[in-house]
Amino acid sequence: MADSLTPTTVFKCLADDNRVRMMLLIAREGELCVCELTCALDESQPKVSRHLAQLRTSGLLSDRRQGQWVYYRLHPSLPDWVLQMLTVVLETNQHWLSADAKRLEDMGERPERAAACCPVR
């Protein structure tokens, strides 16, 4: 699915502030769970999950389950142009993402905390 992404599909998905922030945080971190994104974005779990589902359905993200928890990462088949775009946007807009990154960093030991706070509902 990710290999058939068109610019229109990608830009429509990224036109939402929360979805683009999620994509950039995931690109920055490699992989994040729902509670990490909920904390970083300061948004409700249902809202974060709804946006993640849209990004996954579009082929921008993939997920993996580990026990009860779901972790999201960039889809491994993303076209190079999408990866390059995300890299450039992330590198040139660190200030825009700084509050989200700070909240994420303030979570402390995220893997342990994630395991304790992200059960799939």
PDB file of N, CA and C in Angstrom:
ATOM      1  N   MET A   1       0.828  -1.196   0.000  1.00  0.00           N
ATOM      2  CA  MET A   1       0.000   0.000   0.000  1.00  0.00           C
ATOM      3  C   MET A   1       0.866   1.251   0.000  1.00  0.00           C
ATOM      4  N   ALA A   2       1.934   1.265   0.812  1.00  0.00           N
ATOM      5  CA  ALA A   2       2.779   2.448   0.912  1.00  0.00           C
ATOM      6  C   ALA A   2       3.468   2.775  -0.404  1.00  0.00           C
ATOM      7  N   ASP A   3       3.714   1.764  -1.235  1.00  0.00           N
ATOM      8  CA  ASP A   3       4.389   2.022  -2.505  1.00  0.00           C
ATOM      9  C   ASP A   3       3.475   2.684  -3.528  1.00  0.00           C
ATOM     10  N   SER A   4       2.173   2.749  -3.270  1.00  0.00           N
ATOM     11  CA  SER A   4       1.236   3.394  -4.189  1.00  0.00           C
ATOM     12  C   SER A   4       0.805   4.774  -3.688  1.00  0.00           C
ATOM     13  N   LEU A   5       1.513   5.321  -2.731  1.00  0.00           N
ATOM     14  CA  LEU A   5       1.176   6.649  -2.213  1.00  0.00           C
ATOM     15  C   LEU A   5       1.380   7.712  -3.286  1.00  0.00           C
ATOM     16  N   THR A   6       0.408   8.585  -3.389  1.00  0.00           N
ATOM     17  CA  THR A   6       0.525   9.710  -4.313  1.00  0.00           C
ATOM     18  C   THR A   6       0.774  10.975  -3.497  1.00  0.00           C
ATOM     19  N   PRO A   7       1.309  12.012  -4.128  1.00  0.00           N
ATOM     20  CA  PRO A   7       1.463  13.272  -3.396  1.00  0.00           C
ATOM     21  C   PRO A   7       0.142  13.771  -2.806  1.00  0.00           C
ATOM     22  N   THR A   8      -0.941  13.607  -3.516  1.00  0.00           N
ATOM     23  CA  THR A   8      -2.241  14.057  -3.009  1.00  0.00           C
ATOM     24  C   THR A   8      -2.599  13.330  -1.719  1.00  0.00           C
ATOM     25  N   THR A   9      -2.439  12.008  -1.696  1.00  0.00           N
ATOM     26  CA  THR A   9      -2.742  11.220  -0.501  1.00  0.00           C
ATOM     27  C   THR A   9      -1.876  11.656   0.669  1.00  0.00           C
ATOM     28  N   VAL A  10      -0.590  11.784   0.430  1.00  0.00           N
ATOM     29  CA  VAL A  10       0.346  12.152   1.499  1.00  0.00           C
ATOM     30  C   VAL A  10       0.022  13.531   2.048  1.00  0.00           C
ATOM     31  N   PHE A  11      -0.155  14.505   1.168  1.00  0.00           N
ATOM     32  CA  PHE A  11      -0.387  15.863   1.646  1.00  0.00           C
ATOM     33  C   PHE A  11      -1.747  16.023   2.300  1.00  0.00           C
ATOM     34  N   LYS A  12      -2.751  15.284   1.854  1.00  0.00           N
ATOM     35  CA  LYS A  12      -4.045  15.329   2.543  1.00  0.00           C
ATOM     36  C   LYS A  12      -3.915  14.776   3.958  1.00  0.00           C
ATOM     37  N   CYS A  13      -3.180  13.675   4.106  1.00  0.00           N
ATOM     38  CA  CYS A  13      -2.983  13.097   5.441  1.00  0.00           C
ATOM     39  C   CYS A  13      -2.202  14.043   6.340  1.00  0.00           C
ATOM     40  N   LEU A  14      -1.221  14.712   5.787  1.00  0.00           N
ATOM     41  CA  LEU A  14      -0.368  15.580   6.586  1.00  0.00           C
ATOM     42  C   LEU A  14      -0.919  17.000   6.728  1.00  0.00           C
ATOM     43  N   ALA A  15      -2.098  17.253   6.166  1.00  0.00           N
ATOM     44  CA  ALA A  15      -2.696  18.583   6.275  1.00  0.00           C
ATOM     45  C   ALA A  15      -3.231  18.860   7.672  1.00  0.00           C
ATOM     46  N   ASP A  16      -3.358  17.829   8.496  1.00  0.00           N
ATOM     47  CA  ASP A  16      -3.827  17.997   9.865  1.00  0.00           C
ATOM     48  C   ASP A  16      -2.633  18.191  10.799  1.00  0.00           C
ATOM     49  N   ASP A  17      -2.707  19.186  11.653  1.00  0.00           N
ATOM     50  CA  ASP A  17      -1.612  19.518  12.569  1.00  0.00           C
ATOM     51  C   ASP A  17      -1.191  18.321  13.424  1.00  0.00           C
ATOM     52  N   ASN A  18      -2.152  17.619  14.010  1.00  0.00           N
ATOM     53  CA  ASN A  18      -1.811  16.478  14.860  1.00  0.00           C
ATOM     54  C   ASN A  18      -1.158  15.351  14.074  1.00  0.00           C
ATOM     55  N   ARG A  19      -1.652  15.074  12.880  1.00  0.00           N
ATOM     56  CA  ARG A  19      -1.071  13.978  12.092  1.00  0.00           C
ATOM     57  C   ARG A  19       0.350  14.295  11.642  1.00  0.00           C
ATOM     58  N   VAL A  20       0.607  15.528  11.243  1.00  0.00           N
ATOM     59  CA  VAL A  20       1.976  15.856  10.828  1.00  0.00           C
ATOM     60  C   VAL A  20       2.914  15.827  12.025  1.00  0.00           C
ATOM     61  N   ARG A  21       2.450  16.282  13.185  1.00  0.00           N
ATOM     62  CA  ARG A  21       3.280  16.216  14.388  1.00  0.00           C
ATOM     63  C   ARG A  21       3.587  14.769  14.761  1.00  0.00           C
ATOM     64  N   MET A  22       2.590  13.888  14.655  1.00  0.00           N
ATOM     65  CA  MET A  22       2.805  12.457  14.927  1.00  0.00           C
ATOM     66  C   MET A  22       3.849  11.877  13.980  1.00  0.00           C
ATOM     67  N   MET A  23       3.695  12.167  12.706  1.00  0.00           N
ATOM     68  CA  MET A  23       4.633  11.635  11.709  1.00  0.00           C
ATOM     69  C   MET A  23       6.051  12.107  11.991  1.00  0.00           C
ATOM     70  N   LEU A  24       6.208  13.376  12.324  1.00  0.00           N
ATOM     71  CA  LEU A  24       7.542  13.909  12.582  1.00  0.00           C
ATOM     72  C   LEU A  24       8.132  13.336  13.870  1.00  0.00           C
ATOM     73  N   LEU A  25       7.324  13.187  14.898  1.00  0.00           N
ATOM     74  CA  LEU A  25       7.824  12.588  16.136  1.00  0.00           C
ATOM     75  C   LEU A  25       8.234  11.132  15.914  1.00  0.00           C
ATOM     76  N   ILE A  26       7.436  10.410  15.157  1.00  0.00           N
ATOM     77  CA  ILE A  26       7.769   9.015  14.868  1.00  0.00           C
ATOM     78  C   ILE A  26       9.012   8.944  13.996  1.00  0.00           C
ATOM     79  N   ALA A  27       9.135   9.825  13.023  1.00  0.00           N
ATOM     80  CA  ALA A  27      10.343   9.870  12.193  1.00  0.00           C
ATOM     81  C   ALA A  27      11.561  10.179  13.062  1.00  0.00           C
ATOM     82  N   ARG A  28      11.395  11.051  14.007  1.00  0.00           N
ATOM     83  CA  ARG A  28      12.495  11.446  14.907  1.00  0.00           C
ATOM     84  C   ARG A  28      12.896  10.319  15.845  1.00  0.00           C
ATOM     85  N   GLU A  29      11.903   9.622  16.407  1.00  0.00           N
ATOM     86  CA  GLU A  29      12.148   8.612  17.440  1.00  0.00           C
ATOM     87  C   GLU A  29      12.294   7.193  16.893  1.00  0.00           C
ATOM     88  N   GLY A  30      11.786   6.945  15.702  1.00  0.00           N
ATOM     89  CA  GLY A  30      11.846   5.599  15.137  1.00  0.00           C
ATOM     90  C   GLY A  30      10.582   4.805  15.388  1.00  0.00           C
ATOM     91  N   GLU A  31      10.075   4.868  16.594  1.00  0.00           N
ATOM     92  CA  GLU A  31       8.876   4.119  16.959  1.00  0.00           C
ATOM     93  C   GLU A  31       8.313   4.712  18.248  1.00  0.00           C
ATOM     94  N   LEU A  32       6.996   4.859  18.286  1.00  0.00           N
ATOM     95  CA  LEU A  32       6.336   5.382  19.486  1.00  0.00           C
ATOM     96  C   LEU A  32       5.031   4.633  19.719  1.00  0.00           C
ATOM     97  N   CYS A  33       4.639   4.526  20.984  1.00  0.00           N
ATOM     98  CA  CYS A  33       3.349   3.920  21.305  1.00  0.00           C
ATOM     99  C   CYS A  33       2.313   5.026  21.514  1.00  0.00           C
ATOM    100  N   VAL A  34       1.084   4.604  21.634  1.00  0.00           N
ATOM    101  CA  VAL A  34      -0.021   5.555  21.751  1.00  0.00           C
ATOM    102  C   VAL A  34       0.161   6.493  22.940  1.00  0.00           C
ATOM    103  N   CYS A  35       0.549   5.957  24.097  1.00  0.00           N
ATOM    104  CA  CYS A  35       0.642   6.833  25.276  1.00  0.00           C
ATOM    105  C   CYS A  35       1.771   7.842  25.130  1.00  0.00           C
ATOM    106  N   GLU A  36       2.851   7.486  24.433  1.00  0.00           N
ATOM    107  CA  GLU A  36       3.925   8.453  24.202  1.00  0.00           C
ATOM    108  C   GLU A  36       3.420   9.601  23.339  1.00  0.00           C
ATOM    109  N   LEU A  37       2.652   9.265  22.318  1.00  0.00           N
ATOM    110  CA  LEU A  37       2.100  10.302  21.450  1.00  0.00           C
ATOM    111  C   LEU A  37       1.044  11.124  22.177  1.00  0.00           C
ATOM    112  N   THR A  38       0.243  10.477  23.006  1.00  0.00           N
ATOM    113  CA  THR A  38      -0.766  11.183  23.794  1.00  0.00           C
ATOM    114  C   THR A  38      -0.101  12.212  24.701  1.00  0.00           C
ATOM    115  N   CYS A  39       0.985  11.802  25.329  1.00  0.00           N
ATOM    116  CA  CYS A  39       1.728  12.706  26.212  1.00  0.00           C
ATOM    117  C   CYS A  39       2.387  13.830  25.407  1.00  0.00           C
ATOM    118  N   ALA A  40       3.072  13.480  24.338  1.00  0.00           N
ATOM    119  CA  ALA A  40       3.806  14.468  23.546  1.00  0.00           C
ATOM    120  C   ALA A  40       2.881  15.517  22.939  1.00  0.00           C
ATOM    121  N   LEU A  41       1.741  15.081  22.440  1.00  0.00           N
ATOM    122  CA  LEU A  41       0.817  15.997  21.769  1.00  0.00           C
ATOM    123  C   LEU A  41      -0.159  16.664  22.739  1.00  0.00           C
ATOM    124  N   ASP A  42      -0.207  16.150  23.965  1.00  0.00           N
ATOM    125  CA  ASP A  42      -1.151  16.655  24.959  1.00  0.00           C
ATOM    126  C   ASP A  42      -2.581  16.577  24.427  1.00  0.00           C
ATOM    127  N   GLU A  43      -2.900  15.401  23.886  1.00  0.00           N
ATOM    128  CA  GLU A  43      -4.229  15.136  23.316  1.00  0.00           C
ATOM    129  C   GLU A  43      -4.802  13.878  23.950  1.00  0.00           C
ATOM    130  N   SER A  44      -6.089  13.655  23.784  1.00  0.00           N
ATOM    131  CA  SER A  44      -6.738  12.473  24.351  1.00  0.00           C
ATOM    132  C   SER A  44      -6.336  11.212  23.579  1.00  0.00           C
ATOM    133  N   GLN A  45      -6.397  10.083  24.263  1.00  0.00           N
ATOM    134  CA  GLN A  45      -6.050   8.806  23.635  1.00  0.00           C
ATOM    135  C   GLN A  45      -6.969   8.487  22.450  1.00  0.00           C
ATOM    136  N   PRO A  46      -8.284   8.675  22.555  1.00  0.00           N
ATOM    137  CA  PRO A  46      -9.134   8.383  21.397  1.00  0.00           C
ATOM    138  C   PRO A  46      -8.787   9.242  20.168  1.00  0.00           C
ATOM    139  N   LYS A  47      -8.478  10.505  20.399  1.00  0.00           N
ATOM    140  CA  LYS A  47      -8.118  11.388  19.282  1.00  0.00           C
ATOM    141  C   LYS A  47      -6.822  10.936  18.643  1.00  0.00           C
ATOM    142  N   VAL A  48      -5.814  10.618  19.458  1.00  0.00           N
ATOM    143  CA  VAL A  48      -4.530  10.154  18.932  1.00  0.00           C
ATOM    144  C   VAL A  48      -4.728   8.846  18.157  1.00  0.00           C
ATOM    145  N   SER A  49      -5.482   7.929  18.723  1.00  0.00           N
ATOM    146  CA  SER A  49      -5.718   6.638  18.065  1.00  0.00           C
ATOM    147  C   SER A  49      -6.439   6.799  16.737  1.00  0.00           C
ATOM    148  N   ARG A  50      -7.378   7.714  16.679  1.00  0.00           N
ATOM    149  CA  ARG A  50      -8.118   7.966  15.439  1.00  0.00           C
ATOM    150  C   ARG A  50      -7.176   8.474  14.344  1.00  0.00           C
ATOM    151  N   HIS A  51      -6.289   9.406  14.694  1.00  0.00           N
ATOM    152  CA  HIS A  51      -5.324   9.923  13.723  1.00  0.00           C
ATOM    153  C   HIS A  51      -4.330   8.837  13.301  1.00  0.00           C
ATOM    154  N   LEU A  52      -3.880   8.040  14.250  1.00  0.00           N
ATOM    155  CA  LEU A  52      -2.950   6.952  13.926  1.00  0.00           C
ATOM    156  C   LEU A  52      -3.592   5.946  12.973  1.00  0.00           C
ATOM    157  N   ALA A  53      -4.866   5.648  13.194  1.00  0.00           N
ATOM    158  CA  ALA A  53      -5.575   4.724  12.299  1.00  0.00           C
ATOM    159  C   ALA A  53      -5.618   5.272  10.880  1.00  0.00           C
ATOM    160  N   GLN A  54      -5.850   6.559  10.739  1.00  0.00           N
ATOM    161  CA  GLN A  54      -5.892   7.160   9.409  1.00  0.00           C
ATOM    162  C   GLN A  54      -4.512   7.088   8.741  1.00  0.00           C
ATOM    163  N   LEU A  55      -3.462   7.371   9.492  1.00  0.00           N
ATOM    164  CA  LEU A  55      -2.102   7.310   8.937  1.00  0.00           C
ATOM    165  C   LEU A  55      -1.721   5.873   8.567  1.00  0.00           C
ATOM    166  N   ARG A  56      -2.158   4.928   9.376  1.00  0.00           N
ATOM    167  CA  ARG A  56      -1.887   3.520   9.077  1.00  0.00           C
ATOM    168  C   ARG A  56      -2.675   3.063   7.845  1.00  0.00           C
ATOM    169  N   THR A  57      -3.943   3.414   7.777  1.00  0.00           N
ATOM    170  CA  THR A  57      -4.786   3.031   6.647  1.00  0.00           C
ATOM    171  C   THR A  57      -4.266   3.613   5.337  1.00  0.00           C
ATOM    172  N   SER A  58      -3.721   4.814   5.391  1.00  0.00           N
ATOM    173  CA  SER A  58      -3.203   5.463   4.185  1.00  0.00           C
ATOM    174  C   SER A  58      -1.879   4.859   3.722  1.00  0.00           C
ATOM    175  N   GLY A  59      -1.219   4.097   4.603  1.00  0.00           N
ATOM    176  CA  GLY A  59       0.053   3.488   4.248  1.00  0.00           C
ATOM    177  C   GLY A  59       1.267   4.270   4.705  1.00  0.00           C
ATOM    178  N   LEU A  60       1.060   5.328   5.485  1.00  0.00           N
ATOM    179  CA  LEU A  60       2.190   6.108   5.979  1.00  0.00           C
ATOM    180  C   LEU A  60       2.842   5.477   7.206  1.00  0.00           C
ATOM    181  N   LEU A  61       2.058   4.799   8.027  1.00  0.00           N
ATOM    182  CA  LEU A  61       2.574   4.157   9.226  1.00  0.00           C
ATOM    183  C   LEU A  61       2.271   2.667   9.199  1.00  0.00           C
ATOM    184  N   SER A  62       3.068   1.922   9.932  1.00  0.00           N
ATOM    185  CA  SER A  62       2.749   0.528  10.213  1.00  0.00           C
ATOM    186  C   SER A  62       2.799   0.366  11.718  1.00  0.00           C
ATOM    187  N   ASP A  63       2.209  -0.706  12.200  1.00  0.00           N
ATOM    188  CA  ASP A  63       2.202  -0.932  13.636  1.00  0.00           C
ATOM    189  C   ASP A  63       2.683  -2.337  13.935  1.00  0.00           C
ATOM    190  N   ARG A  64       3.077  -2.519  15.178  1.00  0.00           N
ATOM    191  CA  ARG A  64       3.426  -3.850  15.663  1.00  0.00           C
ATOM    192  C   ARG A  64       2.881  -3.976  17.062  1.00  0.00           C
ATOM    193  N   ARG A  65       2.442  -5.157  17.369  1.00  0.00           N
ATOM    194  CA  ARG A  65       1.922  -5.425  18.700  1.00  0.00           C
ATOM    195  C   ARG A  65       2.993  -6.115  19.517  1.00  0.00           C
ATOM    196  N   GLN A  66       3.102  -5.677  20.750  1.00  0.00           N
ATOM    197  CA  GLN A  66       3.992  -6.327  21.699  1.00  0.00           C
ATOM    198  C   GLN A  66       3.167  -6.564  22.950  1.00  0.00           C
ATOM    199  N   GLY A  67       2.729  -7.778  23.115  1.00  0.00           N
ATOM    200  CA  GLY A  67       1.818  -8.074  24.214  1.00  0.00           C
ATOM    201  C   GLY A  67       0.519  -7.324  24.011  1.00  0.00           C
ATOM    202  N   GLN A  68       0.170  -6.504  24.979  1.00  0.00           N
ATOM    203  CA  GLN A  68      -1.075  -5.724  24.914  1.00  0.00           C
ATOM    204  C   GLN A  68      -0.900  -4.401  24.188  1.00  0.00           C
ATOM    205  N   TRP A  69       0.321  -4.033  23.825  1.00  0.00           N
ATOM    206  CA  TRP A  69       0.597  -2.697  23.351  1.00  0.00           C
ATOM    207  C   TRP A  69       0.854  -2.637  21.863  1.00  0.00           C
ATOM    208  N   VAL A  70       0.571  -1.467  21.290  1.00  0.00           N
ATOM    209  CA  VAL A  70       0.769  -1.228  19.862  1.00  0.00           C
ATOM    210  C   VAL A  70       1.768  -0.086  19.703  1.00  0.00           C
ATOM    211  N   TYR A  71       2.764  -0.328  18.880  1.00  0.00           N
ATOM    212  CA  TYR A  71       3.801   0.656  18.588  1.00  0.00           C
ATOM    213  C   TYR A  71       3.728   1.018  17.113  1.00  0.00           C
ATOM    214  N   TYR A  72       3.928   2.291  16.808  1.00  0.00           N
ATOM    215  CA  TYR A  72       3.830   2.799  15.444  1.00  0.00           C
ATOM    216  C   TYR A  72       5.187   3.254  14.947  1.00  0.00           C
ATOM    217  N   ARG A  73       5.423   3.001  13.659  1.00  0.00           N
ATOM    218  CA  ARG A  73       6.661   3.422  12.994  1.00  0.00           C
ATOM    219  C   ARG A  73       6.315   3.793  11.560  1.00  0.00           C
ATOM    220  N   LEU A  74       7.250   4.458  10.892  1.00  0.00           N
ATOM    221  CA  LEU A  74       7.028   4.764   9.484  1.00  0.00           C
ATOM    222  C   LEU A  74       6.908   3.453   8.734  1.00  0.00           C
ATOM    223  N   HIS A  75       6.019   3.418   7.762  1.00  0.00           N
ATOM    224  CA  HIS A  75       5.839   2.193   6.986  1.00  0.00           C
ATOM    225  C   HIS A  75       7.163   1.852   6.304  1.00  0.00           C
ATOM    226  N   PRO A  76       7.606   0.599   6.392  1.00  0.00           N
ATOM    227  CA  PRO A  76       8.902   0.238   5.809  1.00  0.00           C
ATOM    228  C   PRO A  76       8.966   0.378   4.287  1.00  0.00           C
ATOM    229  N   SER A  77       7.825   0.465   3.629  1.00  0.00           N
ATOM    230  CA  SER A  77       7.807   0.606   2.166  1.00  0.00           C
ATOM    231  C   SER A  77       7.526   2.030   1.702  1.00  0.00           C
ATOM    232  N   LEU A  78       7.708   2.997   2.597  1.00  0.00           N
ATOM    233  CA  LEU A  78       7.481   4.386   2.183  1.00  0.00           C
ATOM    234  C   LEU A  78       8.407   4.729   1.023  1.00  0.00           C
ATOM    235  N   PRO A  79       7.881   5.413   0.028  1.00  0.00           N
ATOM    236  CA  PRO A  79       8.741   5.845  -1.084  1.00  0.00           C
ATOM    237  C   PRO A  79       9.826   6.801  -0.583  1.00  0.00           C
ATOM    238  N   ASP A  80      10.954   6.796  -1.272  1.00  0.00           N
ATOM    239  CA  ASP A  80      12.070   7.664  -0.885  1.00  0.00           C
ATOM    240  C   ASP A  80      11.665   9.126  -0.809  1.00  0.00           C
ATOM    241  N   TRP A  81      10.805   9.573  -1.714  1.00  0.00           N
ATOM    242  CA  TRP A  81      10.443  10.990  -1.715  1.00  0.00           C
ATOM    243  C   TRP A  81       9.717  11.380  -0.432  1.00  0.00           C
ATOM    244  N   VAL A  82       8.926  10.448   0.146  1.00  0.00           N
ATOM    245  CA  VAL A  82       8.225  10.735   1.390  1.00  0.00           C
ATOM    246  C   VAL A  82       9.232  10.791   2.542  1.00  0.00           C
ATOM    247  N   LEU A  83      10.143   9.839   2.585  1.00  0.00           N
ATOM    248  CA  LEU A  83      11.178   9.832   3.630  1.00  0.00           C
ATOM    249  C   LEU A  83      12.039  11.085   3.560  1.00  0.00           C
ATOM    250  N   GLN A  84      12.420  11.472   2.355  1.00  0.00           N
ATOM    251  CA  GLN A  84      13.232  12.675   2.185  1.00  0.00           C
ATOM    252  C   GLN A  84      12.481  13.918   2.639  1.00  0.00           C
ATOM    253  N   MET A  85      11.209  13.993   2.288  1.00  0.00           N
ATOM    254  CA  MET A  85      10.394  15.136   2.696  1.00  0.00           C
ATOM    255  C   MET A  85      10.288  15.207   4.222  1.00  0.00           C
ATOM    256  N   LEU A  86      10.013  14.081   4.863  1.00  0.00           N
ATOM    257  CA  LEU A  86       9.908  14.066   6.320  1.00  0.00           C
ATOM    258  C   LEU A  86      11.230  14.462   6.972  1.00  0.00           C
ATOM    259  N   THR A  87      12.322  13.980   6.427  1.00  0.00           N
ATOM    260  CA  THR A  87      13.647  14.308   6.959  1.00  0.00           C
ATOM    261  C   THR A  87      13.915  15.801   6.873  1.00  0.00           C
ATOM    262  N   VAL A  88      13.638  16.400   5.716  1.00  0.00           N
ATOM    263  CA  VAL A  88      13.875  17.834   5.531  1.00  0.00           C
ATOM    264  C   VAL A  88      12.973  18.651   6.456  1.00  0.00           C
ATOM    265  N   VAL A  89      11.708  18.288   6.526  1.00  0.00           N
ATOM    266  CA  VAL A  89      10.776  19.024   7.380  1.00  0.00           C
ATOM    267  C   VAL A  89      11.197  18.905   8.843  1.00  0.00           C
ATOM    268  N   LEU A  90      11.596  17.721   9.265  1.00  0.00           N
ATOM    269  CA  LEU A  90      12.032  17.528  10.642  1.00  0.00           C
ATOM    270  C   LEU A  90      13.294  18.326  10.944  1.00  0.00           C
ATOM    271  N   GLU A  91      14.270  18.268  10.060  1.00  0.00           N
ATOM    272  CA  GLU A  91      15.532  18.977  10.282  1.00  0.00           C
ATOM    273  C   GLU A  91      15.370  20.490  10.314  1.00  0.00           C
ATOM    274  N   THR A  92      14.451  21.008   9.524  1.00  0.00           N
ATOM    275  CA  THR A  92      14.314  22.462   9.410  1.00  0.00           C
ATOM    276  C   THR A  92      13.218  23.054  10.299  1.00  0.00           C
ATOM    277  N   ASN A  93      12.553  22.207  11.066  1.00  0.00           N
ATOM    278  CA  ASN A  93      11.451  22.693  11.904  1.00  0.00           C
ATOM    279  C   ASN A  93      11.519  22.159  13.319  1.00  0.00           C
ATOM    280  N   GLN A  94      12.723  21.963  13.845  1.00  0.00           N
ATOM    281  CA  GLN A  94      12.882  21.467  15.214  1.00  0.00           C
ATOM    282  C   GLN A  94      12.178  22.381  16.214  1.00  0.00           C
ATOM    283  N   HIS A  95      12.249  23.689  15.989  1.00  0.00           N
ATOM    284  CA  HIS A  95      11.615  24.642  16.902  1.00  0.00           C
ATOM    285  C   HIS A  95      10.104  24.442  16.969  1.00  0.00           C
ATOM    286  N   TRP A  96       9.492  24.106  15.841  1.00  0.00           N
ATOM    287  CA  TRP A  96       8.044  23.917  15.768  1.00  0.00           C
ATOM    288  C   TRP A  96       7.619  22.682  16.563  1.00  0.00           C
ATOM    289  N   LEU A  97       8.490  21.691  16.618  1.00  0.00           N
ATOM    290  CA  LEU A  97       8.198  20.436  17.294  1.00  0.00           C
ATOM    291  C   LEU A  97       8.760  20.405  18.725  1.00  0.00           C
ATOM    292  N   SER A  98       9.424  21.466  19.142  1.00  0.00           N
ATOM    293  CA  SER A  98      10.167  21.435  20.410  1.00  0.00           C
ATOM    294  C   SER A  98       9.284  21.190  21.634  1.00  0.00           C
ATOM    295  N   ALA A  99       8.102  21.768  21.715  1.00  0.00           N
ATOM    296  CA  ALA A  99       7.239  21.546  22.887  1.00  0.00           C
ATOM    297  C   ALA A  99       6.797  20.089  22.960  1.00  0.00           C
ATOM    298  N   ASP A 100       6.461  19.499  21.819  1.00  0.00           N
ATOM    299  CA  ASP A 100       6.068  18.088  21.778  1.00  0.00           C
ATOM    300  C   ASP A 100       7.242  17.199  22.180  1.00  0.00           C
ATOM    301  N   ALA A 101       8.416  17.490  21.634  1.00  0.00           N
ATOM    302  CA  ALA A 101       9.613  16.706  21.943  1.00  0.00           C
ATOM    303  C   ALA A 101       9.951  16.816  23.429  1.00  0.00           C
ATOM    304  N   LYS A 102       9.770  17.987  24.008  1.00  0.00           N
ATOM    305  CA  LYS A 102      10.060  18.191  25.431  1.00  0.00           C
ATOM    306  C   LYS A 102       9.113  17.364  26.292  1.00  0.00           C
ATOM    307  N   ARG A 103       7.818  17.379  25.971  1.00  0.00           N
ATOM    308  CA  ARG A 103       6.863  16.572  26.740  1.00  0.00           C
ATOM    309  C   ARG A 103       7.218  15.088  26.630  1.00  0.00           C
ATOM    310  N   LEU A 104       7.627  14.657  25.460  1.00  0.00           N
ATOM    311  CA  LEU A 104       8.022  13.260  25.259  1.00  0.00           C
ATOM    312  C   LEU A 104       9.260  12.927  26.091  1.00  0.00           C
ATOM    313  N   GLU A 105      10.243  13.791  26.063  1.00  0.00           N
ATOM    314  CA  GLU A 105      11.462  13.572  26.840  1.00  0.00           C
ATOM    315  C   GLU A 105      11.186  13.580  28.335  1.00  0.00           C
ATOM    316  N   ASP A 106      10.239  14.381  28.771  1.00  0.00           N
ATOM    317  CA  ASP A 106       9.913  14.470  30.195  1.00  0.00           C
ATOM    318  C   ASP A 106       9.184  13.234  30.723  1.00  0.00           C
ATOM    319  N   MET A 107       8.792  12.336  29.836  1.00  0.00           N
ATOM    320  CA  MET A 107       8.159  11.096  30.288  1.00  0.00           C
ATOM    321  C   MET A 107       9.147  10.233  31.067  1.00  0.00           C
ATOM    322  N   GLY A 108      10.429  10.487  30.919  1.00  0.00           N
ATOM    323  CA  GLY A 108      11.431   9.703  31.643  1.00  0.00           C
ATOM    324  C   GLY A 108      11.714   8.392  30.950  1.00  0.00           C
ATOM    325  N   GLU A 109      11.685   7.324  31.691  1.00  0.00           N
ATOM    326  CA  GLU A 109      11.963   5.994  31.152  1.00  0.00           C
ATOM    327  C   GLU A 109      10.766   5.523  30.332  1.00  0.00           C
ATOM    328  N   ARG A 110      10.724   5.942  29.102  1.00  0.00           N
ATOM    329  CA  ARG A 110       9.555   5.680  28.276  1.00  0.00           C
ATOM    330  C   ARG A 110       9.243   4.212  28.050  1.00  0.00           C
ATOM    331  N   PRO A 111      10.204   3.368  27.758  1.00  0.00           N
ATOM    332  CA  PRO A 111       9.806   1.965  27.515  1.00  0.00           C
ATOM    333  C   PRO A 111       9.073   1.349  28.700  1.00  0.00           C
ATOM    334  N   GLU A 112       9.548   1.558  29.920  1.00  0.00           N
ATOM    335  CA  GLU A 112       8.864   1.012  31.086  1.00  0.00           C
ATOM    336  C   GLU A 112       7.521   1.698  31.298  1.00  0.00           C
ATOM    337  N   ARG A 113       7.510   3.008  31.158  1.00  0.00           N
ATOM    338  CA  ARG A 113       6.262   3.750  31.345  1.00  0.00           C
ATOM    339  C   ARG A 113       5.270   3.402  30.255  1.00  0.00           C
ATOM    340  N   ALA A 114       5.774   3.208  29.034  1.00  0.00           N
ATOM    341  CA  ALA A 114       4.885   2.856  27.932  1.00  0.00           C
ATOM    342  C   ALA A 114       4.221   1.515  28.209  1.00  0.00           C
ATOM    343  N   ALA A 115       4.998   0.569  28.696  1.00  0.00           N
ATOM    344  CA  ALA A 115       4.441  -0.751  28.974  1.00  0.00           C
ATOM    345  C   ALA A 115       3.360  -0.673  30.051  1.00  0.00           C
ATOM    346  N   ALA A 116       3.489   0.301  30.935  1.00  0.00           N
ATOM    347  CA  ALA A 116       2.520   0.431  32.014  1.00  0.00           C
ATOM    348  C   ALA A 116       1.297   1.248  31.637  1.00  0.00           C
ATOM    349  N   CYS A 117       1.383   2.019  30.536  1.00  0.00           N
ATOM    350  CA  CYS A 117       0.290   2.965  30.292  1.00  0.00           C
ATOM    351  C   CYS A 117      -0.409   2.802  28.959  1.00  0.00           C
ATOM    352  N   CYS A 118      -0.025   1.860  28.147  1.00  0.00           N
ATOM    353  CA  CYS A 118      -0.578   1.796  26.787  1.00  0.00           C
ATOM    354  C   CYS A 118      -1.344   0.530  26.464  1.00  0.00           C
ATOM    355  N   PRO A 119      -2.198   0.028  27.323  1.00  0.00           N
ATOM    356  CA  PRO A 119      -2.927  -1.181  26.942  1.00  0.00           C
ATOM    357  C   PRO A 119      -3.869  -0.897  25.774  1.00  0.00           C
ATOM    358  N   VAL A 120      -3.955  -1.855  24.879  1.00  0.00           N
ATOM    359  CA  VAL A 120      -4.885  -1.733  23.751  1.00  0.00           C
ATOM    360  C   VAL A 120      -6.286  -1.918  24.301  1.00  0.00           C
ATOM    361  N   ARG A 121      -7.159  -1.022  23.905  1.00  0.00           N
ATOM    362  CA  ARG A 121      -8.540  -1.097  24.402  1.00  0.00           C
ATOM    363  C   ARG A 121      -9.442  -1.634  23.326  1.00  0.00           C
TER     364      ARG A 121
END
